[in-house]
């Protein structure tokens, strides 16, 4: 009787339990081995860094700084891999899930092809009305353009030096009527601040809309939207594009002349500008707009807006596209834009 009770009270260990215990032991040994290996590698790396620092003197990087540098390089490699994955996804029809504001304050998930900012200012209502009556579209037609073709068009203006004055109120009243403005609240709309306006426009535009391209146009330029869309479509597969009517030209050193450049000495003895897109109409791809937005505080501004933008592009791995159809002042066959004088 006792023997039966003893046998009944003895717990039985199943085969599955034994296997799980063995796997747990093996996992512990594996993790301990990896931790020991990582510690050995770090110890060797620290020893190597200490040796190098001793040879290079007190100005060398510390151990922690060097290890951070290695971590940073690893992150940069991963970022490059993600960029490649994103590029591959886009070629397979990736569509952004971000929602963008439309003219009636609703949102849309349509992938945008381009955001077109028409540079304007105070007292230019007649120019804006001329554009609205010709190529820009208004009201429901403007919204339809955004939804059907992914083209957002806005007049771009800053604020008065005396914020809230009659100039600001006139713009606000016009915008409440037309709903076609992008107002740069942090930009002062004054002649001496004009070269900085491009930084504010690209920064605000890329933070507001997710598009393939961001175009800047003057308010005395007439644009053929369909032709512009067709031209931009040929560059959608390029990651960093700067497109416009590329030009150079003499740097004006005489302060009495119209296009005087105070920093003329920076352009060398020949006093000639580097290649850059003419200011009447040009565009950049999304990656470059993001670069401007991130580095806005550190980007130098010259006397002229188009030269300033060109200077930001020249030091980057950017494809400069000399698109002669964007030479608005002297349009050629198949021109995308034109000024009033060139249309006569």
Protein backbone atom coordinates (compact mmCIF):
# COMPACT_ATOMS: atom_id res chain seq x y z
CA UNK A 1 0.00 0.00 0.00
CA UNK A 2 2.81 2.37 0.87
CA UNK A 3 4.67 1.48 -2.28
CA UNK A 4 1.64 2.36 -4.37
CA UNK A 5 1.29 5.77 -2.71
CA UNK A 6 4.97 6.46 -3.16
CA UNK A 7 4.82 5.62 -6.85
CA UNK A 8 1.70 7.73 -7.36
CA UNK A 9 3.25 10.74 -5.68
CA UNK A 10 6.43 10.70 -7.79
CA UNK A 11 6.20 13.39 -10.55
CA UNK A 12 6.90 12.27 -14.09
CA UNK A 13 9.05 14.45 -16.40
CA UNK A 14 7.85 14.39 -20.00
CA UNK A 15 10.14 14.29 -23.01
CA UNK A 16 8.88 17.73 -24.15
CA UNK A 17 9.94 19.23 -20.82
CA UNK A 18 13.41 17.72 -21.14
CA UNK A 19 13.78 19.13 -24.65
CA UNK A 20 12.70 22.60 -23.49
CA UNK A 21 15.25 22.50 -20.62
CA UNK A 22 18.00 21.51 -23.00
CA UNK A 23 17.07 24.29 -25.46
CA UNK A 24 17.05 26.81 -22.58
CA UNK A 25 20.57 25.74 -21.52
CA UNK A 26 21.84 25.99 -25.09
CA UNK A 27 20.27 29.46 -25.47
CA UNK A 28 21.95 30.62 -22.26
CA UNK A 29 25.32 29.35 -23.48
CA UNK A 30 24.82 31.09 -26.85
CA UNK A 31 23.86 34.46 -25.33
CA UNK A 32 26.74 34.27 -22.84
CA UNK A 33 29.15 33.45 -25.68
CA UNK A 34 27.96 36.42 -27.77
CA UNK A 35 28.21 38.80 -24.83
CA UNK A 36 31.72 37.56 -24.10
CA UNK A 37 32.66 37.94 -27.77
CA UNK A 38 31.27 41.50 -27.92
CA UNK A 39 33.14 42.37 -24.72
CA UNK A 40 36.36 40.99 -26.18
CA UNK A 41 35.90 42.97 -29.41
CA UNK A 42 35.15 46.17 -27.48
CA UNK A 43 38.18 45.57 -25.25
CA UNK A 44 40.44 45.13 -28.29
CA UNK A 45 38.91 48.21 -29.95
CA UNK A 46 39.37 50.33 -26.82
CA UNK A 47 42.96 49.16 -26.52
CA UNK A 48 43.62 50.06 -30.15
CA UNK A 49 42.05 53.49 -29.70
CA UNK A 50 44.09 54.15 -26.55
CA UNK A 51 47.26 53.22 -28.41
CA UNK A 52 46.41 55.50 -31.33
CA UNK A 53 45.43 58.36 -29.03
CA UNK A 54 48.73 58.02 -27.22
CA UNK A 55 50.58 58.33 -30.51
CA UNK A 56 48.46 61.22 -31.85
CA UNK A 57 48.61 63.41 -28.76
CA UNK A 58 46.04 65.23 -26.66
CA UNK A 59 44.03 66.45 -29.65
CA UNK A 60 42.87 62.95 -30.60
CA UNK A 61 39.29 61.76 -30.18
CA UNK A 62 38.30 60.17 -26.88
CA UNK A 63 37.24 56.52 -26.68
CA UNK A 64 33.58 57.39 -26.23
CA UNK A 65 33.65 59.87 -29.13
CA UNK A 66 35.31 57.30 -31.39
CA UNK A 67 32.78 54.62 -30.49
CA UNK A 68 29.98 57.10 -31.17
CA UNK A 69 31.57 57.79 -34.54
CA UNK A 70 31.46 54.07 -35.39
CA UNK A 71 27.81 53.93 -34.34
CA UNK A 72 27.08 56.97 -36.52
CA UNK A 73 28.70 55.32 -39.52
CA UNK A 74 26.54 52.27 -38.93
CA UNK A 75 23.44 54.42 -38.86
CA UNK A 76 24.50 56.17 -42.07
CA UNK A 77 24.91 52.81 -43.79
CA UNK A 78 21.45 51.76 -42.65
CA UNK A 79 19.99 55.06 -43.86
CA UNK A 80 21.56 54.52 -47.29
CA UNK A 81 20.00 51.04 -47.39
CA UNK A 82 16.58 52.47 -46.49
CA UNK A 83 16.90 55.09 -49.22
CA UNK A 84 17.60 52.35 -51.73
CA UNK A 85 14.58 50.38 -50.48
CA UNK A 86 12.41 53.48 -50.79
CA UNK A 87 13.63 54.15 -54.32
CA UNK A 88 12.81 50.55 -55.25
CA UNK A 89 9.35 50.88 -53.70
CA UNK A 90 8.64 54.05 -55.67
CA UNK A 91 9.50 52.32 -58.94
CA UNK A 92 6.92 49.67 -58.05
CA UNK A 93 4.15 52.23 -57.59
CA UNK A 94 4.56 53.30 -53.97
CA UNK A 95 2.01 55.96 -53.00
CA UNK A 96 2.42 58.11 -49.92
CA UNK A 97 -0.23 57.77 -47.20
CA UNK A 98 0.24 61.36 -46.03
CA UNK A 99 -2.75 63.67 -46.27
CA UNK A 100 -2.32 67.09 -47.84
CA UNK A 101 -4.38 70.25 -47.40
CA UNK A 102 -6.51 71.29 -50.36
CA UNK A 103 -8.14 74.59 -51.27
CA UNK A 104 -11.21 73.94 -49.09
CA UNK A 105 -9.24 72.85 -46.00
CA UNK A 106 -10.10 69.18 -46.58
CA UNK A 107 -7.39 66.59 -47.15
CA UNK A 108 -6.37 64.30 -49.99
CA UNK A 109 -4.13 61.24 -50.18
CA UNK A 110 -3.40 61.67 -53.91
CA UNK A 111 0.32 61.51 -54.65
CA UNK A 112 1.38 65.02 -55.66
CA UNK A 113 3.53 65.58 -58.71
CA UNK A 114 4.54 69.17 -58.04
CA UNK A 115 3.96 72.15 -55.80
CA UNK A 116 4.18 75.42 -57.73
CA UNK A 117 4.84 78.54 -55.70
CA UNK A 118 4.15 81.80 -57.49
CA UNK A 119 6.31 84.47 -55.91
CA UNK A 120 4.22 87.58 -55.31
CA UNK A 121 4.10 90.58 -53.02
CA UNK A 122 1.99 93.39 -51.66
CA UNK A 123 0.27 95.57 -54.25
CA UNK A 124 0.38 92.87 -56.93
CA UNK A 125 -3.33 91.99 -57.00
CA UNK A 126 -3.63 92.81 -60.72
CA UNK A 127 -0.84 90.36 -61.58
CA UNK A 128 -2.45 87.65 -59.49
CA UNK A 129 -5.84 88.21 -61.09
CA UNK A 130 -4.21 88.02 -64.52
CA UNK A 131 -2.71 84.63 -63.63
CA UNK A 132 -6.01 83.41 -62.19
CA UNK A 133 -7.80 84.33 -65.40
CA UNK A 134 -5.27 82.55 -67.64
CA UNK A 135 -3.33 79.50 -66.50
CA UNK A 136 -3.77 78.98 -62.77
CA UNK A 137 -7.42 77.89 -62.40
CA UNK A 138 -9.61 79.00 -59.51
CA UNK A 139 -12.15 77.58 -57.10
CA UNK A 140 -13.36 74.06 -57.93
CA UNK A 141 -11.09 73.89 -60.99
CA UNK A 142 -8.03 74.51 -58.81
CA UNK A 143 -9.07 71.72 -56.47
CA UNK A 144 -9.73 69.42 -59.43
CA UNK A 145 -6.19 70.11 -60.68
CA UNK A 146 -4.81 69.02 -57.31
CA UNK A 147 -6.86 65.83 -57.20
CA UNK A 148 -6.68 64.77 -60.85
CA UNK A 149 -3.14 65.80 -61.77
CA UNK A 150 -1.44 66.19 -58.40
CA UNK A 151 -0.45 69.80 -59.10
CA UNK A 152 -0.73 72.30 -56.24
CA UNK A 153 -0.46 76.00 -57.13
CA UNK A 154 -0.21 78.77 -54.55
CA UNK A 155 0.74 82.43 -54.47
CA UNK A 156 3.63 82.81 -52.03
CA UNK A 157 3.90 85.92 -49.88
CA UNK A 158 5.42 86.86 -46.56
CA UNK A 159 4.25 89.21 -43.84
CA UNK A 160 4.53 92.95 -43.49
CA UNK A 161 7.35 94.39 -41.33
CA UNK A 162 4.50 95.76 -39.22
CA UNK A 163 2.60 92.52 -38.73
CA UNK A 164 -1.14 92.87 -38.77
CA UNK A 165 -1.19 96.18 -40.64
CA UNK A 166 -3.31 97.00 -43.69
CA UNK A 167 -0.95 95.14 -46.04
CA UNK A 168 -1.39 91.91 -44.10
CA UNK A 169 -5.12 92.43 -43.81
CA UNK A 170 -5.47 92.89 -47.57
CA UNK A 171 -3.66 89.61 -48.23
CA UNK A 172 -5.73 87.80 -45.60
CA UNK A 173 -8.95 89.17 -47.10
CA UNK A 174 -7.90 88.13 -50.60
CA UNK A 175 -6.92 84.67 -49.39
CA UNK A 176 -10.25 84.17 -47.60
CA UNK A 177 -11.88 84.88 -50.95
CA UNK A 178 -9.62 82.87 -53.28
CA UNK A 179 -7.97 80.31 -50.94
CA UNK A 180 -4.90 80.14 -53.14
CA UNK A 181 -2.10 81.56 -50.95
CA UNK A 182 0.82 80.06 -49.10
CA UNK A 183 1.59 82.73 -46.49
CA UNK A 184 5.10 82.61 -45.03
CA UNK A 185 4.48 83.93 -41.53
CA UNK A 186 8.18 83.95 -40.63
CA UNK A 187 9.31 85.84 -43.71
CA UNK A 188 9.29 89.64 -43.90
CA UNK A 189 8.11 90.81 -47.33
CA UNK A 190 10.74 93.48 -48.00
CA UNK A 191 13.16 93.94 -50.95
CA UNK A 192 16.28 93.32 -48.85
CA UNK A 193 14.76 90.07 -47.55
CA UNK A 194 13.80 88.74 -50.97
CA UNK A 195 16.85 86.43 -51.42
CA UNK A 196 15.83 84.59 -48.23
CA UNK A 197 12.30 84.00 -49.42
CA UNK A 198 13.29 80.88 -51.39
CA UNK A 199 14.51 79.21 -48.19
CA UNK A 200 11.21 79.85 -46.46
CA UNK A 201 9.15 78.73 -49.45
CA UNK A 202 10.90 75.41 -50.00
CA UNK A 203 11.02 74.69 -46.27
CA UNK A 204 7.32 75.37 -45.67
CA UNK A 205 6.22 73.70 -48.92
CA UNK A 206 8.04 70.41 -48.27
CA UNK A 207 6.68 70.33 -44.71
CA UNK A 208 3.14 70.97 -45.96
CA UNK A 209 2.93 68.80 -49.09
CA UNK A 210 4.61 65.55 -50.09
CA UNK A 211 5.44 66.01 -53.77
CA UNK A 212 8.04 64.91 -56.29
CA UNK A 213 9.00 68.49 -57.24
CA UNK A 214 8.77 72.00 -55.87
CA UNK A 215 8.73 74.80 -58.45
CA UNK A 216 9.25 78.52 -57.99
CA UNK A 217 7.67 80.94 -60.50
CA UNK A 218 7.56 84.73 -60.70
CA UNK A 219 4.15 86.41 -60.82
CA UNK A 220 4.79 87.87 -64.28
CA UNK A 221 5.28 84.43 -65.85
CA UNK A 222 2.66 82.42 -67.68
CA UNK A 223 2.95 78.62 -67.43
CA UNK A 224 1.61 75.74 -69.50
CA UNK A 225 0.70 73.29 -66.76
CA UNK A 226 0.32 70.23 -68.99
CA UNK A 227 3.72 70.74 -70.62
CA UNK A 228 5.30 71.32 -67.21
CA UNK A 229 3.88 68.04 -65.92
CA UNK A 230 5.15 66.18 -68.98
CA UNK A 231 8.63 67.62 -68.57
CA UNK A 232 8.83 66.79 -64.87
CA UNK A 233 7.64 63.24 -65.55
CA UNK A 234 10.91 62.57 -67.39
CA UNK A 235 12.85 63.21 -64.16
CA UNK A 236 10.74 61.34 -61.60
CA UNK A 237 13.24 58.48 -61.36
CA UNK A 238 16.11 60.80 -60.40
CA UNK A 239 16.68 61.34 -56.66
CA UNK A 240 18.19 64.86 -56.71
CA UNK A 241 17.27 67.16 -59.61
CA UNK A 242 17.73 70.90 -60.05
CA UNK A 243 15.94 71.99 -63.22
CA UNK A 244 15.71 75.36 -64.90
CA UNK A 245 17.10 77.66 -67.58
CA UNK A 246 20.77 77.41 -66.59
CA UNK A 247 22.87 80.53 -67.01
CA UNK A 248 26.02 82.19 -65.77
CA UNK A 249 27.03 85.79 -66.38
CA UNK A 250 29.17 88.59 -65.09
CA UNK A 251 29.20 89.49 -61.41
CA UNK A 252 28.42 93.20 -61.06
CA UNK A 253 30.99 94.89 -58.84
CA UNK A 254 29.78 98.49 -59.21
CA UNK A 255 27.44 99.40 -56.35
CA UNK A 256 25.70 101.99 -58.56
CA UNK A 257 24.48 99.37 -61.01
CA UNK A 258 21.22 97.44 -60.73
CA UNK A 259 22.50 93.89 -60.19
CA UNK A 260 25.31 94.80 -57.81
CA UNK A 261 26.71 91.87 -55.81
CA UNK A 262 28.26 93.03 -52.50
CA UNK A 263 30.14 89.74 -52.13
CA UNK A 264 31.62 89.87 -55.62
CA UNK A 265 35.10 89.06 -54.32
CA UNK A 266 33.99 85.51 -53.52
CA UNK A 267 33.55 84.70 -57.20
CA UNK A 268 37.23 84.88 -58.12
CA UNK A 269 39.24 87.09 -60.41
CA UNK A 270 37.09 86.40 -63.46
CA UNK A 271 34.01 87.73 -61.61
CA UNK A 272 31.65 85.25 -63.22
CA UNK A 273 28.75 83.44 -61.59
CA UNK A 274 28.65 79.65 -61.50
CA UNK A 275 25.90 77.92 -63.45
CA UNK A 276 22.50 78.34 -61.85
CA UNK A 277 18.85 78.35 -62.89
CA UNK A 278 17.34 81.68 -63.83
CA UNK A 279 14.97 83.02 -61.21
CA UNK A 280 11.84 83.36 -63.34
CA UNK A 281 11.08 79.65 -63.09
CA UNK A 282 13.00 76.67 -61.71
CA UNK A 283 12.43 73.62 -59.56
CA UNK A 284 14.05 71.08 -57.27
CA UNK A 285 13.16 67.52 -56.30
CA UNK A 286 11.87 66.58 -52.88
CA UNK A 287 15.21 65.45 -51.44
CA UNK A 288 16.72 68.87 -52.16
CA UNK A 289 13.74 70.70 -50.68
CA UNK A 290 14.18 68.61 -47.54
CA UNK A 291 17.88 69.46 -47.49
CA UNK A 292 17.04 73.19 -47.61
CA UNK A 293 14.45 72.78 -44.87
CA UNK A 294 16.85 70.94 -42.56
CA UNK A 295 19.84 73.23 -43.19
CA UNK A 296 17.99 76.50 -43.70
CA UNK A 297 19.73 78.27 -40.83
CA UNK A 298 23.17 77.52 -42.28
CA UNK A 299 22.62 78.25 -45.98
CA UNK A 300 24.31 81.45 -47.09
CA UNK A 301 22.30 84.00 -49.05
CA UNK A 302 23.74 86.26 -51.74
CA UNK A 303 22.22 89.41 -53.14
CA UNK A 304 20.11 87.50 -55.65
CA UNK A 305 17.72 84.66 -54.96
CA UNK A 306 18.59 82.52 -58.01
CA UNK A 307 22.32 82.78 -57.31
CA UNK A 308 21.70 81.82 -53.68
CA UNK A 309 19.76 78.68 -54.61
CA UNK A 310 22.41 77.78 -57.19
CA UNK A 311 25.13 78.09 -54.54
CA UNK A 312 23.29 75.58 -52.30
CA UNK A 313 23.10 73.09 -55.16
CA UNK A 314 26.65 73.36 -56.43
CA UNK A 315 28.21 71.60 -53.45
CA UNK A 316 25.78 68.66 -53.52
CA UNK A 317 25.51 65.51 -55.60
CA UNK A 318 22.80 67.02 -57.79
CA UNK A 319 21.88 66.61 -61.43
CA UNK A 320 21.68 70.06 -63.03
CA UNK A 321 19.11 69.94 -65.84
CA UNK A 322 19.43 72.77 -68.34
CA UNK A 323 15.85 72.89 -69.56
CA UNK A 324 15.66 75.50 -72.30
CA UNK A 325 11.86 75.33 -72.32
CA UNK A 326 12.02 77.10 -68.94
CA UNK A 327 13.80 80.13 -70.45
CA UNK A 328 10.70 82.27 -69.98
CA UNK A 329 12.15 85.56 -71.27
CA UNK A 330 13.14 84.02 -74.61
CA UNK A 331 10.85 81.03 -75.15
CA UNK A 332 11.71 78.46 -77.81
CA UNK A 333 9.53 75.94 -79.60
CA UNK A 334 7.54 73.93 -77.09
CA UNK A 335 8.16 76.50 -74.35
CA UNK A 336 6.68 75.77 -70.94
CA UNK A 337 6.65 79.37 -69.73
CA UNK A 338 6.72 82.92 -71.06
CA UNK A 339 6.72 86.49 -69.80
CA UNK A 340 4.32 89.19 -71.09
CA UNK A 341 7.04 90.82 -73.21
CA UNK A 342 8.14 87.53 -74.77
CA UNK A 343 4.55 86.64 -75.70
CA UNK A 344 4.09 89.65 -77.95
